[in-house]
Amino acid sequence: DLQEVMDYLEEQFLRFMDDPEFKEELN
């Protein structure tokens, strides 16, 4: 059950880590 959560978390992290809008907000 928890592995599914980790897989989804990884997918979302990879989706946003280099996303220009995400990076702009983080900065």
PDB file of all heavy atoms in Angstrom:
ATOM      1  N   ASP A   1       0.841  -1.217   0.000  1.00  0.00           N
ATOM      2  CA  ASP A   1       0.000   0.000   0.000  1.00  0.00           C
ATOM      3  C   ASP A   1       0.865   1.252   0.000  1.00  0.00           C
ATOM      4  O   ASP A   1       0.616   2.205  -0.740  1.00  0.00           O
ATOM      5  CB  ASP A   1      -0.895   0.043   1.257  1.00  0.00           C
ATOM      6  CG  ASP A   1      -2.118  -0.848   1.094  1.00  0.00           C
ATOM      7  OD1 ASP A   1      -2.262  -1.441   0.005  1.00  0.00           O
ATOM      8  OD2 ASP A   1      -2.909  -0.947   2.050  1.00  0.00           O
ATOM      9  N   LEU A   2       1.887   1.222   0.841  1.00  0.00           N
ATOM     10  CA  LEU A   2       2.767   2.381   0.974  1.00  0.00           C
ATOM     11  C   LEU A   2       3.653   2.537  -0.267  1.00  0.00           C
ATOM     12  O   LEU A   2       3.990   3.655  -0.654  1.00  0.00           O
ATOM     13  CB  LEU A   2       3.616   2.236   2.243  1.00  0.00           C
ATOM     14  CG  LEU A   2       4.307   3.497   2.763  1.00  0.00           C
ATOM     15  CD1 LEU A   2       3.329   4.655   2.903  1.00  0.00           C
ATOM     16  CD2 LEU A   2       4.988   3.230   4.097  1.00  0.00           C
ATOM     17  N   GLN A   3       3.999   1.411  -0.908  1.00  0.00           N
ATOM     18  CA  GLN A   3       4.819   1.483  -2.117  1.00  0.00           C
ATOM     19  C   GLN A   3       4.081   2.226  -3.227  1.00  0.00           C
ATOM     20  O   GLN A   3       4.683   2.988  -3.988  1.00  0.00           O
ATOM     21  CB  GLN A   3       5.224   0.079  -2.593  1.00  0.00           C
ATOM     22  CG  GLN A   3       6.252   0.091  -3.723  1.00  0.00           C
ATOM     23  CD  GLN A   3       7.512   0.887  -3.369  1.00  0.00           C
ATOM     24  OE1 GLN A   3       8.135   0.646  -2.339  1.00  0.00           O
ATOM     25  NE2 GLN A   3       7.873   1.863  -4.202  1.00  0.00           N
ATOM     26  N   GLU A   4       2.765   2.036  -3.280  1.00  0.00           N
ATOM     27  CA  GLU A   4       1.964   2.776  -4.271  1.00  0.00           C
ATOM     28  C   GLU A   4       2.068   4.282  -4.028  1.00  0.00           C
ATOM     29  O   GLU A   4       2.170   5.074  -4.960  1.00  0.00           O
ATOM     30  CB  GLU A   4       0.491   2.337  -4.191  1.00  0.00           C
ATOM     31  CG  GLU A   4       0.224   1.003  -4.857  1.00  0.00           C
ATOM     32  CD  GLU A   4      -1.245   0.607  -4.788  1.00  0.00           C
ATOM     33  OE1 GLU A   4      -2.117   1.501  -4.878  1.00  0.00           O
ATOM     34  OE2 GLU A   4      -1.521  -0.592  -4.632  1.00  0.00           O
ATOM     35  N   VAL A   5       2.051   4.650  -2.749  1.00  0.00           N
ATOM     36  CA  VAL A   5       2.187   6.073  -2.380  1.00  0.00           C
ATOM     37  C   VAL A   5       3.565   6.591  -2.789  1.00  0.00           C
ATOM     38  O   VAL A   5       3.691   7.692  -3.331  1.00  0.00           O
ATOM     39  CB  VAL A   5       1.986   6.261  -0.851  1.00  0.00           C
ATOM     40  CG1 VAL A   5       2.116   7.727  -0.468  1.00  0.00           C
ATOM     41  CG2 VAL A   5       0.624   5.735  -0.428  1.00  0.00           C
ATOM     42  N   MET A   6       4.614   5.786  -2.538  1.00  0.00           N
ATOM     43  CA  MET A   6       5.979   6.195  -2.893  1.00  0.00           C
ATOM     44  C   MET A   6       6.128   6.331  -4.419  1.00  0.00           C
ATOM     45  O   MET A   6       6.780   7.262  -4.901  1.00  0.00           O
ATOM     46  CB  MET A   6       6.997   5.163  -2.369  1.00  0.00           C
ATOM     47  CG  MET A   6       7.112   5.069  -0.857  1.00  0.00           C
ATOM     48  SD  MET A   6       7.635   6.605  -0.091  1.00  0.00           S
ATOM     49  CE  MET A   6       6.208   6.988   0.900  1.00  0.00           C
ATOM     50  N   ASP A   7       5.515   5.404  -5.152  1.00  0.00           N
ATOM     51  CA  ASP A   7       5.587   5.460  -6.620  1.00  0.00           C
ATOM     52  C   ASP A   7       4.917   6.732  -7.150  1.00  0.00           C
ATOM     53  O   ASP A   7       5.431   7.392  -8.057  1.00  0.00           O
ATOM     54  CB  ASP A   7       4.930   4.224  -7.240  1.00  0.00           C
ATOM     55  CG  ASP A   7       5.741   2.950  -6.998  1.00  0.00           C
ATOM     56  OD1 ASP A   7       6.945   3.064  -6.645  1.00  0.00           O
ATOM     57  OD2 ASP A   7       5.177   1.842  -7.138  1.00  0.00           O
ATOM     58  N   TYR A   8       3.759   7.056  -6.546  1.00  0.00           N
ATOM     59  CA  TYR A   8       3.032   8.258  -6.971  1.00  0.00           C
ATOM     60  C   TYR A   8       3.831   9.521  -6.613  1.00  0.00           C
ATOM     61  O   TYR A   8       3.920  10.453  -7.403  1.00  0.00           O
ATOM     62  CB  TYR A   8       1.646   8.291  -6.311  1.00  0.00           C
ATOM     63  CG  TYR A   8       0.824   9.496  -6.695  1.00  0.00           C
ATOM     64  CD1 TYR A   8       0.503   9.764  -8.031  1.00  0.00           C
ATOM     65  CD2 TYR A   8       0.377  10.399  -5.723  1.00  0.00           C
ATOM     66  CE1 TYR A   8      -0.242  10.881  -8.392  1.00  0.00           C
ATOM     67  CE2 TYR A   8      -0.369  11.522  -6.069  1.00  0.00           C
ATOM     68  CZ  TYR A   8      -0.677  11.751  -7.405  1.00  0.00           C
ATOM     69  OH  TYR A   8      -1.407  12.866  -7.751  1.00  0.00           O
ATOM     70  N   LEU A   9       4.435   9.498  -5.425  1.00  0.00           N
ATOM     71  CA  LEU A   9       5.252  10.632  -4.989  1.00  0.00           C
ATOM     72  C   LEU A   9       6.430  10.838  -5.953  1.00  0.00           C
ATOM     73  O   LEU A   9       6.722  11.966  -6.369  1.00  0.00           O
ATOM     74  CB  LEU A   9       5.765  10.388  -3.558  1.00  0.00           C
ATOM     75  CG  LEU A   9       6.681  11.460  -2.956  1.00  0.00           C
ATOM     76  CD1 LEU A   9       5.970  12.813  -2.888  1.00  0.00           C
ATOM     77  CD2 LEU A   9       7.138  11.048  -1.553  1.00  0.00           C
ATOM     78  N   GLU A  10       7.088   9.742  -6.328  1.00  0.00           N
ATOM     79  CA  GLU A  10       8.214   9.838  -7.268  1.00  0.00           C
ATOM     80  C   GLU A  10       7.758  10.412  -8.609  1.00  0.00           C
ATOM     81  O   GLU A  10       8.403  11.299  -9.181  1.00  0.00           O
ATOM     82  CB  GLU A  10       8.845   8.456  -7.488  1.00  0.00           C
ATOM     83  CG  GLU A  10      10.011   8.517  -8.477  1.00  0.00           C
ATOM     84  CD  GLU A  10      10.578   7.152  -8.840  1.00  0.00           C
ATOM     85  OE1 GLU A  10       9.859   6.140  -8.727  1.00  0.00           O
ATOM     86  OE2 GLU A  10      11.746   7.101  -9.254  1.00  0.00           O
ATOM     87  N   GLU A  11       6.618   9.912  -9.076  1.00  0.00           N
ATOM     88  CA  GLU A  11       6.074  10.365 -10.367  1.00  0.00           C
ATOM     89  C   GLU A  11       5.808  11.882 -10.343  1.00  0.00           C
ATOM     90  O   GLU A  11       6.161  12.611 -11.274  1.00  0.00           O
ATOM     91  CB  GLU A  11       4.777   9.582 -10.606  1.00  0.00           C
ATOM     92  CG  GLU A  11       4.004   9.916 -11.849  1.00  0.00           C
ATOM     93  CD  GLU A  11       2.603   9.273 -11.787  1.00  0.00           C
ATOM     94  OE1 GLU A  11       2.509   8.038 -11.593  1.00  0.00           O
ATOM     95  OE2 GLU A  11       1.625  10.028 -11.891  1.00  0.00           O
ATOM     96  N   GLN A  12       5.214  12.360  -9.243  1.00  0.00           N
ATOM     97  CA  GLN A  12       4.899  13.787  -9.117  1.00  0.00           C
ATOM     98  C   GLN A  12       6.168  14.638  -8.961  1.00  0.00           C
ATOM     99  O   GLN A  12       6.277  15.724  -9.514  1.00  0.00           O
ATOM    100  CB  GLN A  12       3.952  14.026  -7.932  1.00  0.00           C
ATOM    101  CG  GLN A  12       2.582  13.400  -8.109  1.00  0.00           C
ATOM    102  CD  GLN A  12       1.862  13.904  -9.352  1.00  0.00           C
ATOM    103  OE1 GLN A  12       1.609  15.093  -9.499  1.00  0.00           O
ATOM    104  NE2 GLN A  12       1.559  12.999 -10.279  1.00  0.00           N
ATOM    105  N   PHE A  13       7.124  14.118  -8.190  1.00  0.00           N
ATOM    106  CA  PHE A  13       8.397  14.831  -8.011  1.00  0.00           C
ATOM    107  C   PHE A  13       9.112  14.982  -9.353  1.00  0.00           C
ATOM    108  O   PHE A  13       9.585  16.069  -9.703  1.00  0.00           O
ATOM    109  CB  PHE A  13       9.267  14.086  -6.996  1.00  0.00           C
ATOM    110  CG  PHE A  13      10.676  14.621  -6.899  1.00  0.00           C
ATOM    111  CD1 PHE A  13      10.913  15.939  -6.518  1.00  0.00           C
ATOM    112  CD2 PHE A  13      11.770  13.815  -7.187  1.00  0.00           C
ATOM    113  CE1 PHE A  13      12.216  16.440  -6.425  1.00  0.00           C
ATOM    114  CE2 PHE A  13      13.072  14.307  -7.095  1.00  0.00           C
ATOM    115  CZ  PHE A  13      13.290  15.622  -6.717  1.00  0.00           C
ATOM    116  N   LEU A  14       9.183  13.889 -10.122  1.00  0.00           N
ATOM    117  CA  LEU A  14       9.845  13.936 -11.433  1.00  0.00           C
ATOM    118  C   LEU A  14       9.107  14.876 -12.388  1.00  0.00           C
ATOM    119  O   LEU A  14       9.719  15.556 -13.211  1.00  0.00           O
ATOM    120  CB  LEU A  14       9.909  12.531 -12.041  1.00  0.00           C
ATOM    121  CG  LEU A  14      10.874  11.552 -11.358  1.00  0.00           C
ATOM    122  CD1 LEU A  14      10.740  10.162 -11.954  1.00  0.00           C
ATOM    123  CD2 LEU A  14      12.313  12.034 -11.471  1.00  0.00           C
ATOM    124  N   ARG A  15       7.788  14.933 -12.210  1.00  0.00           N
ATOM    125  CA  ARG A  15       6.977  15.804 -13.067  1.00  0.00           C
ATOM    126  C   ARG A  15       7.272  17.281 -12.788  1.00  0.00           C
ATOM    127  O   ARG A  15       7.337  18.097 -13.707  1.00  0.00           O
ATOM    128  CB  ARG A  15       5.496  15.494 -12.814  1.00  0.00           C
ATOM    129  CG  ARG A  15       4.538  16.342 -13.611  1.00  0.00           C
ATOM    130  CD  ARG A  15       3.101  16.007 -13.252  1.00  0.00           C
ATOM    131  NE  ARG A  15       2.183  17.019 -13.717  1.00  0.00           N
ATOM    132  CZ  ARG A  15       0.927  17.128 -13.315  1.00  0.00           C
ATOM    133  NH1 ARG A  15       0.441  16.265 -12.434  1.00  0.00           N
ATOM    134  NH2 ARG A  15       0.146  18.075 -13.778  1.00  0.00           N
ATOM    135  N   PHE A  16       7.455  17.622 -11.516  1.00  0.00           N
ATOM    136  CA  PHE A  16       7.566  19.037 -11.152  1.00  0.00           C
ATOM    137  C   PHE A  16       8.984  19.561 -10.915  1.00  0.00           C
ATOM    138  O   PHE A  16       9.200  20.763 -10.941  1.00  0.00           O
ATOM    139  CB  PHE A  16       6.716  19.331  -9.904  1.00  0.00           C
ATOM    140  CG  PHE A  16       5.233  19.280 -10.176  1.00  0.00           C
ATOM    141  CD1 PHE A  16       4.446  18.294  -9.612  1.00  0.00           C
ATOM    142  CD2 PHE A  16       4.646  20.229 -11.013  1.00  0.00           C
ATOM    143  CE1 PHE A  16       3.081  18.240  -9.871  1.00  0.00           C
ATOM    144  CE2 PHE A  16       3.272  20.180 -11.280  1.00  0.00           C
ATOM    145  CZ  PHE A  16       2.483  19.188 -10.709  1.00  0.00           C
ATOM    146  N   MET A  17       9.964  18.657 -10.659  1.00  0.00           N
ATOM    147  CA  MET A  17      11.280  19.148 -10.230  1.00  0.00           C
ATOM    148  C   MET A  17      11.926  20.124 -11.212  1.00  0.00           C
ATOM    149  O   MET A  17      12.634  21.045 -10.805  1.00  0.00           O
ATOM    150  CB  MET A  17      12.232  17.979  -9.915  1.00  0.00           C
ATOM    151  CG  MET A  17      12.602  17.109 -11.093  1.00  0.00           C
ATOM    152  SD  MET A  17      13.641  15.707 -10.612  1.00  0.00           S
ATOM    153  CE  MET A  17      15.268  16.447 -10.682  1.00  0.00           C
ATOM    154  N   ASP A  18      11.669  19.934 -12.517  1.00  0.00           N
ATOM    155  CA  ASP A  18      12.241  20.852 -13.508  1.00  0.00           C
ATOM    156  C   ASP A  18      11.174  21.686 -14.221  1.00  0.00           C
ATOM    157  O   ASP A  18      11.448  22.342 -15.221  1.00  0.00           O
ATOM    158  CB  ASP A  18      13.065  20.069 -14.542  1.00  0.00           C
ATOM    159  CG  ASP A  18      14.322  19.472 -13.922  1.00  0.00           C
ATOM    160  OD1 ASP A  18      14.954  20.172 -13.097  1.00  0.00           O
ATOM    161  OD2 ASP A  18      14.668  18.311 -14.232  1.00  0.00           O
ATOM    162  N   ASP A  19       9.962  21.655 -13.688  1.00  0.00           N
ATOM    163  CA  ASP A  19       8.869  22.423 -14.274  1.00  0.00           C
ATOM    164  C   ASP A  19       9.126  23.925 -14.047  1.00  0.00           C
ATOM    165  O   ASP A  19       9.343  24.355 -12.906  1.00  0.00           O
ATOM    166  CB  ASP A  19       7.544  22.008 -13.605  1.00  0.00           C
ATOM    167  CG  ASP A  19       6.378  22.863 -14.067  1.00  0.00           C
ATOM    168  OD1 ASP A  19       6.015  22.756 -15.250  1.00  0.00           O
ATOM    169  OD2 ASP A  19       5.838  23.637 -13.251  1.00  0.00           O
ATOM    170  N   PRO A  20       9.148  24.740 -15.116  1.00  0.00           N
ATOM    171  CA  PRO A  20       9.502  26.160 -14.977  1.00  0.00           C
ATOM    172  C   PRO A  20       8.640  26.909 -13.956  1.00  0.00           C
ATOM    173  O   PRO A  20       9.139  27.716 -13.182  1.00  0.00           O
ATOM    174  CB  PRO A  20       9.306  26.725 -16.389  1.00  0.00           C
ATOM    175  CG  PRO A  20       9.441  25.541 -17.296  1.00  0.00           C
ATOM    176  CD  PRO A  20       8.920  24.362 -16.520  1.00  0.00           C
ATOM    177  N   GLU A  21       7.342  26.620 -13.931  1.00  0.00           N
ATOM    178  CA  GLU A  21       6.427  27.305 -12.999  1.00  0.00           C
ATOM    179  C   GLU A  21       6.734  26.917 -11.548  1.00  0.00           C
ATOM    180  O   GLU A  21       6.759  27.772 -10.650  1.00  0.00           O
ATOM    181  CB  GLU A  21       4.987  26.935 -13.362  1.00  0.00           C
ATOM    182  CG  GLU A  21       3.960  27.901 -12.796  1.00  0.00           C
ATOM    183  CD  GLU A  21       2.548  27.492 -13.210  1.00  0.00           C
ATOM    184  OE1 GLU A  21       2.242  27.522 -14.429  1.00  0.00           O
ATOM    185  OE2 GLU A  21       1.767  27.133 -12.311  1.00  0.00           O
ATOM    186  N   PHE A  22       6.995  25.627 -11.332  1.00  0.00           N
ATOM    187  CA  PHE A  22       7.338  25.133  -9.984  1.00  0.00           C
ATOM    188  C   PHE A  22       8.638  25.784  -9.516  1.00  0.00           C
ATOM    189  O   PHE A  22       8.745  26.279  -8.391  1.00  0.00           O
ATOM    190  CB  PHE A  22       7.475  23.602 -10.001  1.00  0.00           C
ATOM    191  CG  PHE A  22       7.818  23.014  -8.651  1.00  0.00           C
ATOM    192  CD1 PHE A  22       6.821  22.737  -7.726  1.00  0.00           C
ATOM    193  CD2 PHE A  22       9.134  22.727  -8.303  1.00  0.00           C
ATOM    194  CE1 PHE A  22       7.128  22.194  -6.474  1.00  0.00           C
ATOM    195  CE2 PHE A  22       9.461  22.197  -7.056  1.00  0.00           C
ATOM    196  CZ  PHE A  22       8.439  21.930  -6.140  1.00  0.00           C
ATOM    197  N   LYS A  23       9.643  25.791 -10.402  1.00  0.00           N
ATOM    198  CA  LYS A  23      10.949  26.367 -10.050  1.00  0.00           C
ATOM    199  C   LYS A  23      10.836  27.862  -9.754  1.00  0.00           C
ATOM    200  O   LYS A  23      11.451  28.369  -8.815  1.00  0.00           O
ATOM    201  CB  LYS A  23      11.959  26.137 -11.190  1.00  0.00           C
ATOM    202  CG  LYS A  23      12.478  24.695 -11.226  1.00  0.00           C
ATOM    203  CD  LYS A  23      13.182  24.376 -12.509  1.00  0.00           C
ATOM    204  CE  LYS A  23      14.607  24.890 -12.534  1.00  0.00           C
ATOM    205  NZ  LYS A  23      15.325  24.377 -13.729  1.00  0.00           N
ATOM    206  N   GLU A  24      10.007  28.537 -10.527  1.00  0.00           N
ATOM    207  CA  GLU A  24       9.824  29.979 -10.313  1.00  0.00           C
ATOM    208  C   GLU A  24       9.196  30.242  -8.936  1.00  0.00           C
ATOM    209  O   GLU A  24       9.621  31.138  -8.201  1.00  0.00           O
ATOM    210  CB  GLU A  24       8.937  30.560 -11.424  1.00  0.00           C
ATOM    211  CG  GLU A  24       8.860  32.075 -11.400  1.00  0.00           C
ATOM    212  CD  GLU A  24       7.916  32.634 -12.474  1.00  0.00           C
ATOM    213  OE1 GLU A  24       7.557  31.901 -13.415  1.00  0.00           O
ATOM    214  OE2 GLU A  24       7.548  33.810 -12.340  1.00  0.00           O
ATOM    215  N   GLU A  25       8.180  29.438  -8.586  1.00  0.00           N
ATOM    216  CA  GLU A  25       7.521  29.613  -7.288  1.00  0.00           C
ATOM    217  C   GLU A  25       8.483  29.269  -6.141  1.00  0.00           C
ATOM    218  O   GLU A  25       8.562  29.983  -5.134  1.00  0.00           O
ATOM    219  CB  GLU A  25       6.257  28.748  -7.201  1.00  0.00           C
ATOM    220  CG  GLU A  25       5.420  29.100  -5.977  1.00  0.00           C
ATOM    221  CD  GLU A  25       4.102  28.336  -5.878  1.00  0.00           C
ATOM    222  OE1 GLU A  25       3.860  27.404  -6.681  1.00  0.00           O
ATOM    223  OE2 GLU A  25       3.319  28.666  -4.960  1.00  0.00           O
ATOM    224  N   LEU A  26       9.234  28.170  -6.302  1.00  0.00           N
ATOM    225  CA  LEU A  26      10.207  27.771  -5.283  1.00  0.00           C
ATOM    226  C   LEU A  26      11.253  28.878  -5.091  1.00  0.00           C
ATOM    227  O   LEU A  26      11.553  29.275  -3.950  1.00  0.00           O
ATOM    228  CB  LEU A  26      10.893  26.459  -5.698  1.00  0.00           C
ATOM    229  CG  LEU A  26      12.011  25.943  -4.786  1.00  0.00           C
ATOM    230  CD1 LEU A  26      11.499  25.670  -3.369  1.00  0.00           C
ATOM    231  CD2 LEU A  26      12.640  24.671  -5.365  1.00  0.00           C
ATOM    232  N   ASN A  27      11.785  29.389  -6.185  1.00  0.00           N
ATOM    233  CA  ASN A  27      12.802  30.446  -6.096  1.00  0.00           C
ATOM    234  C   ASN A  27      12.247  31.721  -5.457  1.00  0.00           C
ATOM    235  O   ASN A  27      12.949  32.399  -4.709  1.00  0.00           O
ATOM    236  CB  ASN A  27      13.391  30.761  -7.473  1.00  0.00           C
ATOM    237  CG  ASN A  27      14.274  29.614  -7.975  1.00  0.00           C
ATOM    238  OD1 ASN A  27      14.815  28.859  -7.181  1.00  0.00           O
ATOM    239  ND2 ASN A  27      14.396  29.479  -9.289  1.00  0.00           N
TER     240      ASN A  27
END
